[in-house]
Amino acid sequence: MAEIDQKWKENAPGKMFVDQSCIACDACVLSAPNNFAMHEEDGHAFVKKQPASAEEEAACKEAMDGCPVEAIGDFGEKA
């Protein structure tokens, strides 16, 4: 389960976030490329854009469900 106090600072403000347990598998970027990106220098994913439509919400849910280390949370700050 993602830990809010371990979230990466690169995450866009809002409820979705990636924490420091990310192993850079790229699954979230493949599932929701509009919302997730990889930090090339540090080798971890982060939320580049909070979901803004039902389609993006569904893609982010798929990314969260597919994360092998449960590094994605959806209980961060209110947008």
PDB file of N, CA and C in Angstrom:
ATOM      1  N   MET A   1       0.842  -1.187   0.000  1.00  0.00           N
ATOM      2  CA  MET A   1       0.000   0.000   0.000  1.00  0.00           C
ATOM      3  C   MET A   1       0.884   1.246   0.000  1.00  0.00           C
ATOM      4  N   ALA A   2       0.580   2.183  -0.860  1.00  0.00           N
ATOM      5  CA  ALA A   2       1.348   3.421  -0.963  1.00  0.00           C
ATOM      6  C   ALA A   2       1.286   4.209   0.354  1.00  0.00           C
ATOM      7  N   GLU A   3       2.394   4.844   0.669  1.00  0.00           N
ATOM      8  CA  GLU A   3       2.504   5.632   1.899  1.00  0.00           C
ATOM      9  C   GLU A   3       2.575   7.111   1.545  1.00  0.00           C
ATOM     10  N   ILE A   4       1.614   7.881   2.018  1.00  0.00           N
ATOM     11  CA  ILE A   4       1.541   9.308   1.705  1.00  0.00           C
ATOM     12  C   ILE A   4       2.792  10.054   2.164  1.00  0.00           C
ATOM     13  N   ASP A   5       3.372   9.640   3.284  1.00  0.00           N
ATOM     14  CA  ASP A   5       4.563  10.331   3.777  1.00  0.00           C
ATOM     15  C   ASP A   5       5.832   9.931   3.021  1.00  0.00           C
ATOM     16  N   GLN A   6       5.714   9.005   2.074  1.00  0.00           N
ATOM     17  CA  GLN A   6       6.844   8.569   1.254  1.00  0.00           C
ATOM     18  C   GLN A   6       6.672   8.967  -0.216  1.00  0.00           C
ATOM     19  N   LYS A   7       5.698   9.838  -0.508  1.00  0.00           N
ATOM     20  CA  LYS A   7       5.446  10.185  -1.907  1.00  0.00           C
ATOM     21  C   LYS A   7       6.586  11.036  -2.462  1.00  0.00           C
ATOM     22  N   TRP A   8       6.840  10.865  -3.766  1.00  0.00           N
ATOM     23  CA  TRP A   8       7.877  11.647  -4.438  1.00  0.00           C
ATOM     24  C   TRP A   8       7.425  13.092  -4.590  1.00  0.00           C
ATOM     25  N   LYS A   9       8.363  14.021  -4.455  1.00  0.00           N
ATOM     26  CA  LYS A   9       8.051  15.445  -4.566  1.00  0.00           C
ATOM     27  C   LYS A   9       7.634  15.843  -5.976  1.00  0.00           C
ATOM     28  N   GLU A  10       7.977  15.039  -6.974  1.00  0.00           N
ATOM     29  CA  GLU A  10       7.626  15.348  -8.359  1.00  0.00           C
ATOM     30  C   GLU A  10       6.141  15.136  -8.677  1.00  0.00           C
ATOM     31  N   ASN A  11       5.410  14.434  -7.809  1.00  0.00           N
ATOM     32  CA  ASN A  11       3.990  14.197  -8.054  1.00  0.00           C
ATOM     33  C   ASN A  11       3.230  15.517  -8.176  1.00  0.00           C
ATOM     34  N   ALA A  12       2.360  15.592  -9.191  1.00  0.00           N
ATOM     35  CA  ALA A  12       1.486  16.760  -9.326  1.00  0.00           C
ATOM     36  C   ALA A  12       0.551  16.804  -8.115  1.00  0.00           C
ATOM     37  N   PRO A  13       0.239  17.994  -7.609  1.00  0.00           N
ATOM     38  CA  PRO A  13      -0.673  18.091  -6.461  1.00  0.00           C
ATOM     39  C   PRO A  13      -2.033  17.457  -6.778  1.00  0.00           C
ATOM     40  N   GLY A  14      -2.577  16.756  -5.799  1.00  0.00           N
ATOM     41  CA  GLY A  14      -3.874  16.111  -5.945  1.00  0.00           C
ATOM     42  C   GLY A  14      -3.899  14.766  -5.260  1.00  0.00           C
ATOM     43  N   LYS A  15      -4.947  14.007  -5.505  1.00  0.00           N
ATOM     44  CA  LYS A  15      -5.141  12.766  -4.756  1.00  0.00           C
ATOM     45  C   LYS A  15      -4.250  11.608  -5.208  1.00  0.00           C
ATOM     46  N   MET A  16      -3.891  11.519  -6.490  1.00  0.00           N
ATOM     47  CA  MET A  16      -3.051  10.416  -6.974  1.00  0.00           C
ATOM     48  C   MET A  16      -1.579  10.737  -6.697  1.00  0.00           C
ATOM     49  N   PHE A  17      -0.824   9.711  -6.310  1.00  0.00           N
ATOM     50  CA  PHE A  17       0.611   9.892  -6.075  1.00  0.00           C
ATOM     51  C   PHE A  17       1.337   8.558  -6.207  1.00  0.00           C
ATOM     52  N   VAL A  18       2.651   8.648  -6.389  1.00  0.00           N
ATOM     53  CA  VAL A  18       3.531   7.480  -6.399  1.00  0.00           C
ATOM     54  C   VAL A  18       4.498   7.663  -5.239  1.00  0.00           C
ATOM     55  N   ASP A  19       4.722   6.586  -4.474  1.00  0.00           N
ATOM     56  CA  ASP A  19       5.632   6.701  -3.342  1.00  0.00           C
ATOM     57  C   ASP A  19       6.993   6.077  -3.660  1.00  0.00           C
ATOM     58  N   GLN A  20       7.884   6.110  -2.687  1.00  0.00           N
ATOM     59  CA  GLN A  20       9.268   5.702  -2.891  1.00  0.00           C
ATOM     60  C   GLN A  20       9.478   4.196  -2.994  1.00  0.00           C
ATOM     61  N   SER A  21       8.412   3.412  -2.920  1.00  0.00           N
ATOM     62  CA  SER A  21       8.557   1.967  -3.122  1.00  0.00           C
ATOM     63  C   SER A  21       8.544   1.608  -4.610  1.00  0.00           C
ATOM     64  N   CYS A  22       8.371   2.596  -5.478  1.00  0.00           N
ATOM     65  CA  CYS A  22       8.341   2.388  -6.929  1.00  0.00           C
ATOM     66  C   CYS A  22       9.642   1.721  -7.389  1.00  0.00           C
ATOM     67  N   ILE A  23       9.498   0.712  -8.260  1.00  0.00           N
ATOM     68  CA  ILE A  23      10.663   0.002  -8.799  1.00  0.00           C
ATOM     69  C   ILE A  23      10.904   0.333 -10.276  1.00  0.00           C
ATOM     70  N   ALA A  24      10.264   1.366 -10.776  1.00  0.00           N
ATOM     71  CA  ALA A  24      10.453   1.840 -12.156  1.00  0.00           C
ATOM     72  C   ALA A  24      10.149   0.769 -13.192  1.00  0.00           C
ATOM     73  N   CYS A  25       9.078   0.011 -12.978  1.00  0.00           N
ATOM     74  CA  CYS A  25       8.715  -1.051 -13.923  1.00  0.00           C
ATOM     75  C   CYS A  25       8.042  -0.510 -15.172  1.00  0.00           C
ATOM     76  N   ASP A  26       7.569   0.725 -15.127  1.00  0.00           N
ATOM     77  CA  ASP A  26       6.955   1.410 -16.264  1.00  0.00           C
ATOM     78  C   ASP A  26       5.502   1.001 -16.517  1.00  0.00           C
ATOM     79  N   ALA A  27       4.923   0.141 -15.692  1.00  0.00           N
ATOM     80  CA  ALA A  27       3.542  -0.320 -15.909  1.00  0.00           C
ATOM     81  C   ALA A  27       2.547   0.837 -15.857  1.00  0.00           C
ATOM     82  N   CYS A  28       2.727   1.765 -14.933  1.00  0.00           N
ATOM     83  CA  CYS A  28       1.782   2.878 -14.821  1.00  0.00           C
ATOM     84  C   CYS A  28       1.873   3.801 -16.028  1.00  0.00           C
ATOM     85  N   VAL A  29       3.067   4.012 -16.531  1.00  0.00           N
ATOM     86  CA  VAL A  29       3.244   4.867 -17.705  1.00  0.00           C
ATOM     87  C   VAL A  29       2.588   4.227 -18.926  1.00  0.00           C
ATOM     88  N   LEU A  30       2.675   2.910 -19.035  1.00  0.00           N
ATOM     89  CA  LEU A  30       2.045   2.207 -20.147  1.00  0.00           C
ATOM     90  C   LEU A  30       0.522   2.231 -20.029  1.00  0.00           C
ATOM     91  N   SER A  31       0.001   2.132 -18.805  1.00  0.00           N
ATOM     92  CA  SER A  31      -1.448   2.133 -18.579  1.00  0.00           C
ATOM     93  C   SER A  31      -2.062   3.521 -18.702  1.00  0.00           C
ATOM     94  N   ALA A  32      -1.380   4.518 -18.199  1.00  0.00           N
ATOM     95  CA  ALA A  32      -1.925   5.886 -18.164  1.00  0.00           C
ATOM     96  C   ALA A  32      -0.844   6.899 -18.558  1.00  0.00           C
ATOM     97  N   PRO A  33      -0.444   6.894 -19.830  1.00  0.00           N
ATOM     98  CA  PRO A  33       0.651   7.769 -20.259  1.00  0.00           C
ATOM     99  C   PRO A  33       0.352   9.266 -20.153  1.00  0.00           C
ATOM    100  N   ASN A  34      -0.911   9.645 -20.110  1.00  0.00           N
ATOM    101  CA  ASN A  34      -1.253  11.060 -19.929  1.00  0.00           C
ATOM    102  C   ASN A  34      -1.032  11.524 -18.497  1.00  0.00           C
ATOM    103  N   ASN A  35      -0.962  10.569 -17.565  1.00  0.00           N
ATOM    104  CA  ASN A  35      -0.929  10.926 -16.150  1.00  0.00           C
ATOM    105  C   ASN A  35       0.356  10.548 -15.415  1.00  0.00           C
ATOM    106  N   PHE A  36       1.076   9.556 -15.911  1.00  0.00           N
ATOM    107  CA  PHE A  36       2.297   9.116 -15.235  1.00  0.00           C
ATOM    108  C   PHE A  36       3.508   9.317 -16.141  1.00  0.00           C
ATOM    109  N   ALA A  37       4.661   9.553 -15.528  1.00  0.00           N
ATOM    110  CA  ALA A  37       5.916   9.688 -16.253  1.00  0.00           C
ATOM    111  C   ALA A  37       7.019   9.064 -15.409  1.00  0.00           C
ATOM    112  N   MET A  38       8.157   8.806 -16.052  1.00  0.00           N
ATOM    113  CA  MET A  38       9.325   8.294 -15.343  1.00  0.00           C
ATOM    114  C   MET A  38      10.305   9.438 -15.118  1.00  0.00           C
ATOM    115  N   HIS A  39      10.877   9.486 -13.936  1.00  0.00           N
ATOM    116  CA  HIS A  39      11.941  10.436 -13.622  1.00  0.00           C
ATOM    117  C   HIS A  39      13.227   9.774 -14.093  1.00  0.00           C
ATOM    118  N   GLU A  40      13.775  10.260 -15.159  1.00  0.00           N
ATOM    119  CA  GLU A  40      14.909   9.592 -15.810  1.00  0.00           C
ATOM    120  C   GLU A  40      16.155   9.526 -14.930  1.00  0.00           C
ATOM    121  N   GLU A  41      16.462  10.580 -14.181  1.00  0.00           N
ATOM    122  CA  GLU A  41      17.674  10.578 -13.354  1.00  0.00           C
ATOM    123  C   GLU A  41      17.562   9.662 -12.137  1.00  0.00           C
ATOM    124  N   ASP A  42      16.404   9.708 -11.458  1.00  0.00           N
ATOM    125  CA  ASP A  42      16.240   8.944 -10.215  1.00  0.00           C
ATOM    126  C   ASP A  42      15.629   7.567 -10.429  1.00  0.00           C
ATOM    127  N   GLY A  43      15.063   7.307 -11.614  1.00  0.00           N
ATOM    128  CA  GLY A  43      14.522   5.986 -11.907  1.00  0.00           C
ATOM    129  C   GLY A  43      13.280   5.627 -11.108  1.00  0.00           C
ATOM    130  N   HIS A  44      12.284   6.482 -11.145  1.00  0.00           N
ATOM    131  CA  HIS A  44      11.001   6.183 -10.498  1.00  0.00           C
ATOM    132  C   HIS A  44       9.892   6.886 -11.247  1.00  0.00           C
ATOM    133  N   ALA A  45       8.684   6.380 -11.090  1.00  0.00           N
ATOM    134  CA  ALA A  45       7.517   7.005 -11.708  1.00  0.00           C
ATOM    135  C   ALA A  45       6.972   8.086 -10.787  1.00  0.00           C
ATOM    136  N   PHE A  46       6.169   8.964 -11.387  1.00  0.00           N
ATOM    137  CA  PHE A  46       5.464   9.989 -10.619  1.00  0.00           C
ATOM    138  C   PHE A  46       4.226  10.400 -11.403  1.00  0.00           C
ATOM    139  N   VAL A  47       3.295  11.036 -10.709  1.00  0.00           N
ATOM    140  CA  VAL A  47       2.082  11.536 -11.360  1.00  0.00           C
ATOM    141  C   VAL A  47       2.438  12.887 -11.967  1.00  0.00           C
ATOM    142  N   LYS A  48       2.411  12.944 -13.300  1.00  0.00           N
ATOM    143  CA  LYS A  48       2.730  14.211 -13.971  1.00  0.00           C
ATOM    144  C   LYS A  48       1.491  15.085 -14.137  1.00  0.00           C
ATOM    145  N   LYS A  49       0.307  14.457 -14.136  1.00  0.00           N
ATOM    146  CA  LYS A  49      -0.957  15.181 -14.293  1.00  0.00           C
ATOM    147  C   LYS A  49      -2.056  14.386 -13.598  1.00  0.00           C
ATOM    148  N   GLN A  50      -2.783  15.044 -12.735  1.00  0.00           N
ATOM    149  CA  GLN A  50      -3.894  14.390 -12.061  1.00  0.00           C
ATOM    150  C   GLN A  50      -4.992  14.069 -13.088  1.00  0.00           C
ATOM    151  N   PRO A  51      -5.705  12.959 -12.915  1.00  0.00           N
ATOM    152  CA  PRO A  51      -6.770  12.618 -13.859  1.00  0.00           C
ATOM    153  C   PRO A  51      -7.844  13.696 -13.892  1.00  0.00           C
ATOM    154  N   ALA A  52      -8.265  14.049 -15.137  1.00  0.00           N
ATOM    155  CA  ALA A  52      -9.228  15.129 -15.304  1.00  0.00           C
ATOM    156  C   ALA A  52     -10.485  14.688 -16.054  1.00  0.00           C
ATOM    157  N   SER A  53     -10.593  13.395 -16.348  1.00  0.00           N
ATOM    158  CA  SER A  53     -11.769  12.889 -17.053  1.00  0.00           C
ATOM    159  C   SER A  53     -12.044  11.465 -16.579  1.00  0.00           C
ATOM    160  N   ALA A  54     -13.207  10.963 -16.921  1.00  0.00           N
ATOM    161  CA  ALA A  54     -13.547   9.585 -16.555  1.00  0.00           C
ATOM    162  C   ALA A  54     -12.574   8.596 -17.206  1.00  0.00           C
ATOM    163  N   GLU A  55     -12.160   8.894 -18.420  1.00  0.00           N
ATOM    164  CA  GLU A  55     -11.207   8.037 -19.128  1.00  0.00           C
ATOM    165  C   GLU A  55      -9.858   8.007 -18.402  1.00  0.00           C
ATOM    166  N   GLU A  56      -9.379   9.177 -17.978  1.00  0.00           N
ATOM    167  CA  GLU A  56      -8.109   9.232 -17.244  1.00  0.00           C
ATOM    168  C   GLU A  56      -8.242   8.577 -15.877  1.00  0.00           C
ATOM    169  N   GLU A  57      -9.384   8.763 -15.211  1.00  0.00           N
ATOM    170  CA  GLU A  57      -9.618   8.099 -13.919  1.00  0.00           C
ATOM    171  C   GLU A  57      -9.517   6.582 -14.085  1.00  0.00           C
ATOM    172  N   ALA A  58     -10.135   6.049 -15.133  1.00  0.00           N
ATOM    173  CA  ALA A  58     -10.109   4.610 -15.390  1.00  0.00           C
ATOM    174  C   ALA A  58      -8.692   4.133 -15.682  1.00  0.00           C
ATOM    175  N   ALA A  59      -7.945   4.904 -16.462  1.00  0.00           N
ATOM    176  CA  ALA A  59      -6.563   4.533 -16.779  1.00  0.00           C
ATOM    177  C   ALA A  59      -5.690   4.547 -15.519  1.00  0.00           C
ATOM    178  N   CYS A  60      -5.889   5.537 -14.657  1.00  0.00           N
ATOM    179  CA  CYS A  60      -5.127   5.615 -13.410  1.00  0.00           C
ATOM    180  C   CYS A  60      -5.491   4.475 -12.463  1.00  0.00           C
ATOM    181  N   LYS A  61      -6.753   4.087 -12.430  1.00  0.00           N
ATOM    182  CA  LYS A  61      -7.184   2.949 -11.615  1.00  0.00           C
ATOM    183  C   LYS A  61      -6.516   1.669 -12.122  1.00  0.00           C
ATOM    184  N   GLU A  62      -6.476   1.519 -13.456  1.00  0.00           N
ATOM    185  CA  GLU A  62      -5.798   0.366 -14.042  1.00  0.00           C
ATOM    186  C   GLU A  62      -4.316   0.366 -13.669  1.00  0.00           C
ATOM    187  N   ALA A  63      -3.683   1.533 -13.711  1.00  0.00           N
ATOM    188  CA  ALA A  63      -2.272   1.645 -13.334  1.00  0.00           C
ATOM    189  C   ALA A  63      -2.076   1.270 -11.869  1.00  0.00           C
ATOM    190  N   MET A  64      -2.957   1.769 -11.014  1.00  0.00           N
ATOM    191  CA  MET A  64      -2.850   1.476  -9.587  1.00  0.00           C
ATOM    192  C   MET A  64      -3.037  -0.018  -9.333  1.00  0.00           C
ATOM    193  N   ASP A  65      -4.030  -0.629  -9.970  1.00  0.00           N
ATOM    194  CA  ASP A  65      -4.283  -2.061  -9.796  1.00  0.00           C
ATOM    195  C   ASP A  65      -3.145  -2.914 -10.337  1.00  0.00           C
ATOM    196  N   GLY A  66      -2.456  -2.424 -11.373  1.00  0.00           N
ATOM    197  CA  GLY A  66      -1.385  -3.187 -11.999  1.00  0.00           C
ATOM    198  C   GLY A  66      -0.012  -2.977 -11.398  1.00  0.00           C
ATOM    199  N   CYS A  67       0.115  -2.068 -10.465  1.00  0.00           N
ATOM    200  CA  CYS A  67       1.421  -1.791  -9.861  1.00  0.00           C
ATOM    201  C   CYS A  67       1.871  -2.992  -9.031  1.00  0.00           C
ATOM    202  N   PRO A  68       3.005  -3.603  -9.379  1.00  0.00           N
ATOM    203  CA  PRO A  68       3.437  -4.816  -8.678  1.00  0.00           C
ATOM    204  C   PRO A  68       3.876  -4.594  -7.232  1.00  0.00           C
ATOM    205  N   VAL A  69       4.198  -3.356  -6.876  1.00  0.00           N
ATOM    206  CA  VAL A  69       4.644  -3.084  -5.502  1.00  0.00           C
ATOM    207  C   VAL A  69       3.693  -2.145  -4.759  1.00  0.00           C
ATOM    208  N   GLU A  70       2.516  -1.893  -5.333  1.00  0.00           N
ATOM    209  CA  GLU A  70       1.497  -1.037  -4.720  1.00  0.00           C
ATOM    210  C   GLU A  70       2.047   0.336  -4.331  1.00  0.00           C
ATOM    211  N   ALA A  71       2.815   0.945  -5.261  1.00  0.00           N
ATOM    212  CA  ALA A  71       3.426   2.230  -5.007  1.00  0.00           C
ATOM    213  C   ALA A  71       2.526   3.415  -5.362  1.00  0.00           C
ATOM    214  N   ILE A  72       1.340   3.156  -5.907  1.00  0.00           N
ATOM    215  CA  ILE A  72       0.433   4.223  -6.333  1.00  0.00           C
ATOM    216  C   ILE A  72      -0.711   4.335  -5.333  1.00  0.00           C
ATOM    217  N   GLY A  73      -0.940   5.554  -4.868  1.00  0.00           N
ATOM    218  CA  GLY A  73      -2.034   5.815  -3.950  1.00  0.00           C
ATOM    219  C   GLY A  73      -3.023   6.791  -4.548  1.00  0.00           C
ATOM    220  N   ASP A  74      -4.241   6.777  -4.035  1.00  0.00           N
ATOM    221  CA  ASP A  74      -5.272   7.709  -4.509  1.00  0.00           C
ATOM    222  C   ASP A  74      -5.963   8.414  -3.337  1.00  0.00           C
ATOM    223  N   PHE A  75      -5.197   8.661  -2.294  1.00  0.00           N
ATOM    224  CA  PHE A  75      -5.776   9.303  -1.116  1.00  0.00           C
ATOM    225  C   PHE A  75      -4.914  10.484  -0.650  1.00  0.00           C
ATOM    226  N   GLY A  76      -4.270  11.127  -1.616  1.00  0.00           N
ATOM    227  CA  GLY A  76      -3.446  12.296  -1.304  1.00  0.00           C
ATOM    228  C   GLY A  76      -4.293  13.540  -1.116  1.00  0.00           C
ATOM    229  N   GLU A  77      -3.674  14.681  -1.360  1.00  0.00           N
ATOM    230  CA  GLU A  77      -4.337  15.980  -1.179  1.00  0.00           C
ATOM    231  C   GLU A  77      -5.559  16.114  -2.076  1.00  0.00           C
ATOM    232  N   LYS A  78      -6.486  16.880  -1.623  1.00  0.00           N
ATOM    233  CA  LYS A  78      -7.640  17.218  -2.460  1.00  0.00           C
ATOM    234  C   LYS A  78      -7.167  18.164  -3.548  1.00  0.00           C
ATOM    235  N   ALA A  79      -7.686  17.965  -4.733  1.00  0.00           N
ATOM    236  CA  ALA A  79      -7.280  18.821  -5.863  1.00  0.00           C
ATOM    237  C   ALA A  79      -7.860  20.200  -5.748  1.00  0.00           C
TER     238      ALA A  79
END
